[in-house]
Amino acid sequence: MANSVSGDSVVDRVVRVISAFPEGASSLQLSEIATRAGLPLTTAHRLVRQLAAHGLLETGAGGTVRLGLRLWELVNRNSPTLALRQAAVPFMEDIQQVLNQNVNLAVLEGWEALFVERLSRRGSVANRARVAGRMPVHVSSVGLALMANQAKALQRDYLEHFSDPDGKVTVDALRSRLSETAHQGFAQLAGVVDPDTWGIAVPVLDSKQRAVAALGVVVPLREMRLPALVPALQTAARGIARRLADPAP
């Protein structure tokens, strides 16, 4: 691939253009894309035009640009999370039917929990999780459930590089929380993301007892029913794991 004066490749620049769209933004001006991608306006214009020709971006009136339907199509057609979501949604619906509250499904991506599915209903408690959104491992119950059930080497690497931007969580406290989560088989965080909510999550384990996903709920503090919630989540997580291992009906 040809490189720019700065040394980055065409692929690097294309990724920066597509990544310029923040969560919740349906469209951007071309000048905004150039600024957010750190590219000259002429370079951004050329790349946007080429990507639009392939349907990966769409251009509109007034110089607006939006992500194209073909990008969504390609991502969802062969996404590694597709099988996970298909296996999990029936179990998530059962949990939601009982609780009438938010149910989340997440995977580990770096040092963050990446949410791949979320079920919610009108009247549910506030939930900051969004599909395709991320949260740091240490502030989400699903993140703790995921990290607590990874290989020891990965956990050590995570703890060695950990720092809390808010200065509220120390490495020792996080190590203890991960150990507790692994021992009891579920993670819980009260009032961390929202002061009035409680997050509970369990891992979805593969044959090597490593977490491939985490299933979680967010409930009001006043409605916390840990003895009832955890077994229901663990039963659902085992069902998801079985479906992943044997997707045949």
C-alpha atoms as a PDB file:
ATOM      1  CA  MET A   1       0.000   0.000   0.000  1.00  0.00           C
ATOM      2  CA  ALA A   2       1.237   3.482  -0.785  1.00  0.00           C
ATOM      3  CA  ASN A   3       2.162   5.516   2.232  1.00  0.00           C
ATOM      4  CA  SER A   4       1.508   9.183   2.939  1.00  0.00           C
ATOM      5  CA  VAL A   5       4.156  11.730   3.896  1.00  0.00           C
ATOM      6  CA  SER A   6       3.493  10.820   7.549  1.00  0.00           C
ATOM      7  CA  GLY A   7       4.161   7.155   6.818  1.00  0.00           C
ATOM      8  CA  ASP A   8       0.657   5.783   7.358  1.00  0.00           C
ATOM      9  CA  SER A   9      -0.799   3.418   4.765  1.00  0.00           C
ATOM     10  CA  VAL A  10      -3.988   3.734   2.768  1.00  0.00           C
ATOM     11  CA  VAL A  11      -5.574   1.138   5.065  1.00  0.00           C
ATOM     12  CA  ASP A  12      -4.605   3.240   8.105  1.00  0.00           C
ATOM     13  CA  ARG A  13      -6.290   6.288   6.592  1.00  0.00           C
ATOM     14  CA  VAL A  14      -9.424   4.395   5.563  1.00  0.00           C
ATOM     15  CA  VAL A  15      -9.800   3.013   9.092  1.00  0.00           C
ATOM     16  CA  ARG A  16      -9.401   6.510  10.531  1.00  0.00           C
ATOM     17  CA  VAL A  17     -12.096   7.863   8.201  1.00  0.00           C
ATOM     18  CA  ILE A  18     -14.588   5.140   9.181  1.00  0.00           C
ATOM     19  CA  SER A  19     -13.637   5.423  12.866  1.00  0.00           C
ATOM     20  CA  ALA A  20     -14.234   9.173  12.785  1.00  0.00           C
ATOM     21  CA  PHE A  21     -17.953   8.600  13.344  1.00  0.00           C
ATOM     22  CA  PRO A  22     -18.625   8.792  17.107  1.00  0.00           C
ATOM     23  CA  GLU A  23     -21.336   6.797  18.831  1.00  0.00           C
ATOM     24  CA  GLY A  24     -24.777   8.234  18.117  1.00  0.00           C
ATOM     25  CA  ALA A  25     -23.703  10.363  15.135  1.00  0.00           C
ATOM     26  CA  SER A  26     -25.825   9.568  12.089  1.00  0.00           C
ATOM     27  CA  SER A  27     -23.849  11.861   9.809  1.00  0.00           C
ATOM     28  CA  LEU A  28     -20.835  14.178   9.749  1.00  0.00           C
ATOM     29  CA  GLN A  29     -19.628  17.002   7.566  1.00  0.00           C
ATOM     30  CA  LEU A  30     -16.658  16.168   5.372  1.00  0.00           C
ATOM     31  CA  SER A  31     -14.604  18.801   7.211  1.00  0.00           C
ATOM     32  CA  GLU A  32     -15.417  17.106  10.535  1.00  0.00           C
ATOM     33  CA  ILE A  33     -14.275  13.750   9.191  1.00  0.00           C
ATOM     34  CA  ALA A  34     -10.990  15.268   8.029  1.00  0.00           C
ATOM     35  CA  THR A  35     -10.411  16.851  11.435  1.00  0.00           C
ATOM     36  CA  ARG A  36     -11.355  13.775  13.453  1.00  0.00           C
ATOM     37  CA  ALA A  37      -9.303  11.492  11.202  1.00  0.00           C
ATOM     38  CA  GLY A  38      -6.292  13.835  11.246  1.00  0.00           C
ATOM     39  CA  LEU A  39      -6.217  14.084   7.451  1.00  0.00           C
ATOM     40  CA  PRO A  40      -5.959  16.924   4.945  1.00  0.00           C
ATOM     41  CA  LEU A  41      -9.366  17.862   3.555  1.00  0.00           C
ATOM     42  CA  THR A  42      -8.384  16.822   0.025  1.00  0.00           C
ATOM     43  CA  THR A  43      -7.274  13.362   1.242  1.00  0.00           C
ATOM     44  CA  ALA A  44     -10.467  12.892   3.269  1.00  0.00           C
ATOM     45  CA  HIS A  45     -12.553  13.948   0.277  1.00  0.00           C
ATOM     46  CA  ARG A  46     -10.817  11.432  -2.005  1.00  0.00           C
ATOM     47  CA  LEU A  47     -11.167   8.557   0.453  1.00  0.00           C
ATOM     48  CA  VAL A  48     -14.812   9.350   1.184  1.00  0.00           C
ATOM     49  CA  ARG A  49     -15.573   9.435  -2.537  1.00  0.00           C
ATOM     50  CA  GLN A  50     -13.894   6.061  -3.077  1.00  0.00           C
ATOM     51  CA  LEU A  51     -15.608   4.446  -0.077  1.00  0.00           C
ATOM     52  CA  ALA A  52     -18.965   5.841  -1.198  1.00  0.00           C
ATOM     53  CA  ALA A  53     -18.453   4.262  -4.628  1.00  0.00           C
ATOM     54  CA  HIS A  54     -18.376   0.878  -2.859  1.00  0.00           C
ATOM     55  CA  GLY A  55     -21.394   1.644  -0.663  1.00  0.00           C
ATOM     56  CA  LEU A  56     -19.339   1.744   2.542  1.00  0.00           C
ATOM     57  CA  LEU A  57     -20.159   5.423   3.009  1.00  0.00           C
ATOM     58  CA  GLU A  58     -23.014   7.558   1.693  1.00  0.00           C
ATOM     59  CA  THR A  59     -22.784  11.233   0.750  1.00  0.00           C
ATOM     60  CA  GLY A  60     -25.679  13.641   0.982  1.00  0.00           C
ATOM     61  CA  ALA A  61     -26.649  17.234   0.417  1.00  0.00           C
ATOM     62  CA  GLY A  62     -24.486  19.941   1.911  1.00  0.00           C
ATOM     63  CA  GLY A  63     -21.407  17.739   2.160  1.00  0.00           C
ATOM     64  CA  THR A  64     -22.834  15.378   4.754  1.00  0.00           C
ATOM     65  CA  VAL A  65     -21.457  11.849   4.999  1.00  0.00           C
ATOM     66  CA  ARG A  66     -22.937   8.816   6.736  1.00  0.00           C
ATOM     67  CA  LEU A  67     -21.952   5.190   7.153  1.00  0.00           C
ATOM     68  CA  GLY A  68     -23.241   3.093   4.265  1.00  0.00           C
ATOM     69  CA  LEU A  69     -25.669   0.199   4.401  1.00  0.00           C
ATOM     70  CA  ARG A  70     -23.151  -2.081   2.711  1.00  0.00           C
ATOM     71  CA  LEU A  71     -20.772  -1.593   5.628  1.00  0.00           C
ATOM     72  CA  TRP A  72     -23.531  -2.696   8.007  1.00  0.00           C
ATOM     73  CA  GLU A  73     -24.363  -5.619   5.696  1.00  0.00           C
ATOM     74  CA  LEU A  74     -20.783  -6.888   5.503  1.00  0.00           C
ATOM     75  CA  VAL A  75     -20.177  -6.562   9.226  1.00  0.00           C
ATOM     76  CA  ASN A  76     -23.365  -8.380  10.196  1.00  0.00           C
ATOM     77  CA  ARG A  77     -23.099 -11.070   7.546  1.00  0.00           C
ATOM     78  CA  ASN A  78     -19.907 -12.583   8.923  1.00  0.00           C
ATOM     79  CA  SER A  79     -19.558 -11.033  12.351  1.00  0.00           C
ATOM     80  CA  PRO A  80     -18.008 -13.362  14.961  1.00  0.00           C
ATOM     81  CA  THR A  81     -20.688 -12.157  17.362  1.00  0.00           C
ATOM     82  CA  LEU A  82     -23.548 -13.276  15.100  1.00  0.00           C
ATOM     83  CA  ALA A  83     -23.595 -16.865  16.371  1.00  0.00           C
ATOM     84  CA  LEU A  84     -23.250 -15.615  19.946  1.00  0.00           C
ATOM     85  CA  ARG A  85     -26.207 -13.268  19.612  1.00  0.00           C
ATOM     86  CA  GLN A  86     -28.353 -15.915  17.942  1.00  0.00           C
ATOM     87  CA  ALA A  87     -27.580 -18.353  20.743  1.00  0.00           C
ATOM     88  CA  ALA A  88     -28.097 -15.805  23.510  1.00  0.00           C
ATOM     89  CA  VAL A  89     -31.200 -13.835  22.543  1.00  0.00           C
ATOM     90  CA  PRO A  90     -33.795 -16.524  23.435  1.00  0.00           C
ATOM     91  CA  PHE A  91     -32.263 -16.866  26.902  1.00  0.00           C
ATOM     92  CA  MET A  92     -31.998 -13.089  27.274  1.00  0.00           C
ATOM     93  CA  GLU A  93     -35.684 -12.770  26.409  1.00  0.00           C
ATOM     94  CA  ASP A  94     -36.572 -15.299  29.101  1.00  0.00           C
ATOM     95  CA  ILE A  95     -34.567 -13.360  31.692  1.00  0.00           C
ATOM     96  CA  GLN A  96     -36.126 -10.078  30.646  1.00  0.00           C
ATOM     97  CA  GLN A  97     -39.614 -11.569  30.748  1.00  0.00           C
ATOM     98  CA  VAL A  98     -39.107 -12.457  34.398  1.00  0.00           C
ATOM     99  CA  LEU A  99     -37.292  -9.299  35.516  1.00  0.00           C
ATOM    100  CA  ASN A 100     -38.782  -6.689  33.183  1.00  0.00           C
ATOM    101  CA  GLN A 101     -35.377  -5.007  33.337  1.00  0.00           C
ATOM    102  CA  ASN A 102     -32.284  -4.518  31.179  1.00  0.00           C
ATOM    103  CA  VAL A 103     -30.363  -7.583  30.002  1.00  0.00           C
ATOM    104  CA  ASN A 104     -26.898  -7.164  28.439  1.00  0.00           C
ATOM    105  CA  LEU A 105     -24.513  -9.398  26.515  1.00  0.00           C
ATOM    106  CA  ALA A 106     -20.841  -8.435  26.216  1.00  0.00           C
ATOM    107  CA  VAL A 107     -17.497  -9.769  25.029  1.00  0.00           C
ATOM    108  CA  LEU A 108     -13.978  -8.806  26.041  1.00  0.00           C
ATOM    109  CA  GLU A 109     -12.207  -6.463  23.635  1.00  0.00           C
ATOM    110  CA  GLY A 110      -8.829  -5.392  24.946  1.00  0.00           C
ATOM    111  CA  TRP A 111      -9.339  -3.990  28.421  1.00  0.00           C
ATOM    112  CA  GLU A 112     -12.984  -3.128  27.763  1.00  0.00           C
ATOM    113  CA  ALA A 113     -16.349  -4.851  27.690  1.00  0.00           C
ATOM    114  CA  LEU A 114     -17.899  -4.509  24.232  1.00  0.00           C
ATOM    115  CA  PHE A 115     -21.687  -4.806  24.300  1.00  0.00           C
ATOM    116  CA  VAL A 116     -23.022  -6.920  21.442  1.00  0.00           C
ATOM    117  CA  GLU A 117     -26.676  -7.132  22.482  1.00  0.00           C
ATOM    118  CA  ARG A 118     -29.047  -5.409  24.860  1.00  0.00           C
ATOM    119  CA  LEU A 119     -32.714  -5.978  25.649  1.00  0.00           C
ATOM    120  CA  SER A 120     -34.687  -3.276  27.400  1.00  0.00           C
ATOM    121  CA  ARG A 121     -38.288  -2.304  28.018  1.00  0.00           C
ATOM    122  CA  ARG A 122     -40.148   0.886  28.773  1.00  0.00           C
ATOM    123  CA  GLY A 123     -39.952   1.492  32.486  1.00  0.00           C
ATOM    124  CA  SER A 124     -36.601  -0.261  32.878  1.00  0.00           C
ATOM    125  CA  VAL A 125     -34.005   1.334  35.111  1.00  0.00           C
ATOM    126  CA  ALA A 126     -31.396   3.597  33.469  1.00  0.00           C
ATOM    127  CA  ASN A 127     -28.739   1.614  31.614  1.00  0.00           C
ATOM    128  CA  ARG A 128     -25.611   3.195  30.119  1.00  0.00           C
ATOM    129  CA  ALA A 129     -24.767   0.125  28.027  1.00  0.00           C
ATOM    130  CA  ARG A 130     -25.359   0.491  24.286  1.00  0.00           C
ATOM    131  CA  VAL A 131     -25.009  -2.076  21.519  1.00  0.00           C
ATOM    132  CA  ALA A 132     -21.538  -1.582  19.987  1.00  0.00           C
ATOM    133  CA  GLY A 133     -20.677   0.580  22.998  1.00  0.00           C
ATOM    134  CA  ARG A 134     -17.836  -0.072  25.419  1.00  0.00           C
ATOM    135  CA  MET A 135     -17.125   0.203  29.126  1.00  0.00           C
ATOM    136  CA  PRO A 136     -13.857  -0.288  31.000  1.00  0.00           C
ATOM    137  CA  VAL A 137     -13.621  -3.696  32.629  1.00  0.00           C
ATOM    138  CA  HIS A 138     -13.391  -2.333  36.175  1.00  0.00           C
ATOM    139  CA  VAL A 139     -16.613  -0.270  36.075  1.00  0.00           C
ATOM    140  CA  SER A 140     -18.958  -2.918  34.625  1.00  0.00           C
ATOM    141  CA  SER A 141     -20.178  -6.170  36.125  1.00  0.00           C
ATOM    142  CA  VAL A 142     -19.948  -7.862  32.708  1.00  0.00           C
ATOM    143  CA  GLY A 143     -16.357  -6.633  32.406  1.00  0.00           C
ATOM    144  CA  LEU A 144     -15.427  -8.177  35.743  1.00  0.00           C
ATOM    145  CA  ALA A 145     -17.162 -11.452  34.866  1.00  0.00           C
ATOM    146  CA  LEU A 146     -15.232 -11.569  31.592  1.00  0.00           C
ATOM    147  CA  MET A 147     -11.798 -10.719  32.975  1.00  0.00           C
ATOM    148  CA  ALA A 148     -12.118 -12.925  36.072  1.00  0.00           C
ATOM    149  CA  ASN A 149     -12.495 -15.951  33.798  1.00  0.00           C
ATOM    150  CA  GLN A 150      -9.544 -15.405  31.465  1.00  0.00           C
ATOM    151  CA  ALA A 151      -6.107 -17.017  31.454  1.00  0.00           C
ATOM    152  CA  LYS A 152      -3.898 -15.955  34.382  1.00  0.00           C
ATOM    153  CA  ALA A 153      -1.306 -14.490  32.016  1.00  0.00           C
ATOM    154  CA  LEU A 154      -3.889 -12.180  30.439  1.00  0.00           C
ATOM    155  CA  GLN A 155      -5.133 -11.112  33.873  1.00  0.00           C
ATOM    156  CA  ARG A 156      -1.580 -10.311  34.996  1.00  0.00           C
ATOM    157  CA  ASP A 157      -1.012  -8.241  31.866  1.00  0.00           C
ATOM    158  CA  TYR A 158      -4.262  -6.374  32.484  1.00  0.00           C
ATOM    159  CA  LEU A 159      -3.434  -5.613  36.118  1.00  0.00           C
ATOM    160  CA  GLU A 160       0.115  -4.531  35.251  1.00  0.00           C
ATOM    161  CA  HIS A 161      -1.237  -1.934  32.816  1.00  0.00           C
ATOM    162  CA  PHE A 162      -4.287  -0.922  34.879  1.00  0.00           C
ATOM    163  CA  SER A 163      -4.883   2.623  36.011  1.00  0.00           C
ATOM    164  CA  ASP A 164      -8.189   4.204  36.938  1.00  0.00           C
ATOM    165  CA  PRO A 165      -8.553   7.655  35.304  1.00  0.00           C
ATOM    166  CA  ASP A 166     -10.812   8.699  38.178  1.00  0.00           C
ATOM    167  CA  GLY A 167      -8.393   7.435  40.830  1.00  0.00           C
ATOM    168  CA  LYS A 168     -11.137   5.555  42.682  1.00  0.00           C
ATOM    169  CA  VAL A 169     -10.040   1.952  42.121  1.00  0.00           C
ATOM    170  CA  THR A 170      -6.584   0.675  43.083  1.00  0.00           C
ATOM    171  CA  VAL A 171      -4.855  -2.308  41.502  1.00  0.00           C
ATOM    172  CA  ASP A 172      -5.080  -4.234  44.779  1.00  0.00           C
ATOM    173  CA  ALA A 173      -8.797  -3.563  45.082  1.00  0.00           C
ATOM    174  CA  LEU A 174      -9.367  -4.652  41.495  1.00  0.00           C
ATOM    175  CA  ARG A 175      -7.282  -7.814  41.970  1.00  0.00           C
ATOM    176  CA  SER A 176      -9.394  -8.673  45.016  1.00  0.00           C
ATOM    177  CA  ARG A 177     -12.609  -7.993  43.121  1.00  0.00           C
ATOM    178  CA  LEU A 178     -11.557 -10.249  40.239  1.00  0.00           C
ATOM    179  CA  SER A 179     -10.585 -13.017  42.664  1.00  0.00           C
ATOM    180  CA  GLU A 180     -13.930 -12.736  44.443  1.00  0.00           C
ATOM    181  CA  THR A 181     -15.784 -12.833  41.113  1.00  0.00           C
ATOM    182  CA  ALA A 182     -13.925 -15.972  39.993  1.00  0.00           C
ATOM    183  CA  HIS A 183     -14.558 -17.672  43.342  1.00  0.00           C
ATOM    184  CA  GLN A 184     -18.278 -16.947  43.624  1.00  0.00           C
ATOM    185  CA  GLY A 185     -19.065 -17.345  39.908  1.00  0.00           C
ATOM    186  CA  PHE A 186     -20.666 -13.949  39.365  1.00  0.00           C
ATOM    187  CA  ALA A 187     -19.801 -10.256  39.489  1.00  0.00           C
ATOM    188  CA  GLN A 188     -21.740  -7.488  41.155  1.00  0.00           C
ATOM    189  CA  LEU A 189     -21.295  -3.723  41.213  1.00  0.00           C
ATOM    190  CA  ALA A 190     -23.613  -1.385  43.065  1.00  0.00           C
ATOM    191  CA  GLY A 191     -23.945   2.286  42.209  1.00  0.00           C
ATOM    192  CA  VAL A 192     -20.774   2.521  40.108  1.00  0.00           C
ATOM    193  CA  VAL A 193     -22.121   3.633  36.726  1.00  0.00           C
ATOM    194  CA  ASP A 194     -25.408   4.906  38.146  1.00  0.00           C
ATOM    195  CA  PRO A 195     -25.927   5.467  41.899  1.00  0.00           C
ATOM    196  CA  ASP A 196     -29.404   3.908  41.835  1.00  0.00           C
ATOM    197  CA  THR A 197     -28.603   0.694  39.979  1.00  0.00           C
ATOM    198  CA  TRP A 198     -26.995  -2.649  40.649  1.00  0.00           C
ATOM    199  CA  GLY A 199     -25.243  -4.664  37.945  1.00  0.00           C
ATOM    200  CA  ILE A 200     -24.950  -8.451  38.195  1.00  0.00           C
ATOM    201  CA  ALA A 201     -23.239 -10.597  35.550  1.00  0.00           C
ATOM    202  CA  VAL A 202     -22.132 -14.180  34.987  1.00  0.00           C
ATOM    203  CA  PRO A 203     -19.664 -15.605  32.468  1.00  0.00           C
ATOM    204  CA  VAL A 204     -20.549 -17.735  29.459  1.00  0.00           C
ATOM    205  CA  LEU A 205     -17.784 -20.346  29.539  1.00  0.00           C
ATOM    206  CA  ASP A 206     -16.281 -22.452  26.770  1.00  0.00           C
ATOM    207  CA  SER A 207     -14.946 -26.009  27.130  1.00  0.00           C
ATOM    208  CA  LYS A 208     -11.706 -24.659  28.655  1.00  0.00           C
ATOM    209  CA  GLN A 209     -13.662 -22.684  31.269  1.00  0.00           C
ATOM    210  CA  ARG A 210     -12.711 -19.374  29.693  1.00  0.00           C
ATOM    211  CA  ALA A 211     -15.312 -16.637  29.349  1.00  0.00           C
ATOM    212  CA  VAL A 212     -16.316 -16.078  25.730  1.00  0.00           C
ATOM    213  CA  ALA A 213     -19.042 -13.665  26.808  1.00  0.00           C
ATOM    214  CA  ALA A 214     -20.817 -12.332  29.866  1.00  0.00           C
ATOM    215  CA  LEU A 215     -24.544 -12.106  30.524  1.00  0.00           C
ATOM    216  CA  GLY A 216     -25.671  -9.343  32.832  1.00  0.00           C
ATOM    217  CA  VAL A 217     -28.670  -7.489  34.200  1.00  0.00           C
ATOM    218  CA  VAL A 218     -29.056  -3.971  35.555  1.00  0.00           C
ATOM    219  CA  VAL A 219     -31.710  -3.589  38.226  1.00  0.00           C
ATOM    220  CA  PRO A 220     -32.772  -0.893  40.712  1.00  0.00           C
ATOM    221  CA  LEU A 221     -30.987  -1.050  44.050  1.00  0.00           C
ATOM    222  CA  ARG A 222     -34.312  -1.320  45.864  1.00  0.00           C
ATOM    223  CA  GLU A 223     -35.269  -4.406  43.831  1.00  0.00           C
ATOM    224  CA  MET A 224     -32.036  -6.305  44.316  1.00  0.00           C
ATOM    225  CA  ARG A 225     -32.751 -10.062  44.648  1.00  0.00           C
ATOM    226  CA  LEU A 226     -29.332 -11.683  44.444  1.00  0.00           C
ATOM    227  CA  PRO A 227     -30.383 -15.228  45.524  1.00  0.00           C
ATOM    228  CA  ALA A 228     -32.955 -15.306  42.716  1.00  0.00           C
ATOM    229  CA  LEU A 229     -31.010 -13.433  40.040  1.00  0.00           C
ATOM    230  CA  VAL A 230     -27.731 -15.337  40.064  1.00  0.00           C
ATOM    231  CA  PRO A 231     -29.117 -18.876  39.555  1.00  0.00           C
ATOM    232  CA  ALA A 232     -31.361 -17.626  36.733  1.00  0.00           C
ATOM    233  CA  LEU A 233     -28.420 -15.936  35.002  1.00  0.00           C
ATOM    234  CA  GLN A 234     -26.152 -18.942  35.478  1.00  0.00           C
ATOM    235  CA  THR A 235     -28.772 -21.290  34.030  1.00  0.00           C
ATOM    236  CA  ALA A 236     -29.151 -18.999  31.017  1.00  0.00           C
ATOM    237  CA  ALA A 237     -25.358 -18.742  30.595  1.00  0.00           C
ATOM    238  CA  ARG A 238     -25.039 -22.531  30.552  1.00  0.00           C
ATOM    239  CA  GLY A 239     -27.791 -22.698  27.955  1.00  0.00           C
ATOM    240  CA  ILE A 240     -25.987 -20.178  25.764  1.00  0.00           C
ATOM    241  CA  ALA A 241     -22.750 -22.144  26.106  1.00  0.00           C
ATOM    242  CA  ARG A 242     -24.517 -25.339  25.019  1.00  0.00           C
ATOM    243  CA  ARG A 243     -26.011 -23.581  21.994  1.00  0.00           C
ATOM    244  CA  LEU A 244     -22.588 -22.271  21.005  1.00  0.00           C
ATOM    245  CA  ALA A 245     -21.041 -25.709  21.328  1.00  0.00           C
ATOM    246  CA  ASP A 246     -23.859 -27.372  19.393  1.00  0.00           C
ATOM    247  CA  PRO A 247     -25.810 -24.835  17.303  1.00  0.00           C
ATOM    248  CA  ALA A 248     -28.076 -27.503  15.786  1.00  0.00           C
ATOM    249  CA  PRO A 249     -31.690 -27.238  17.011  1.00  0.00           C
END
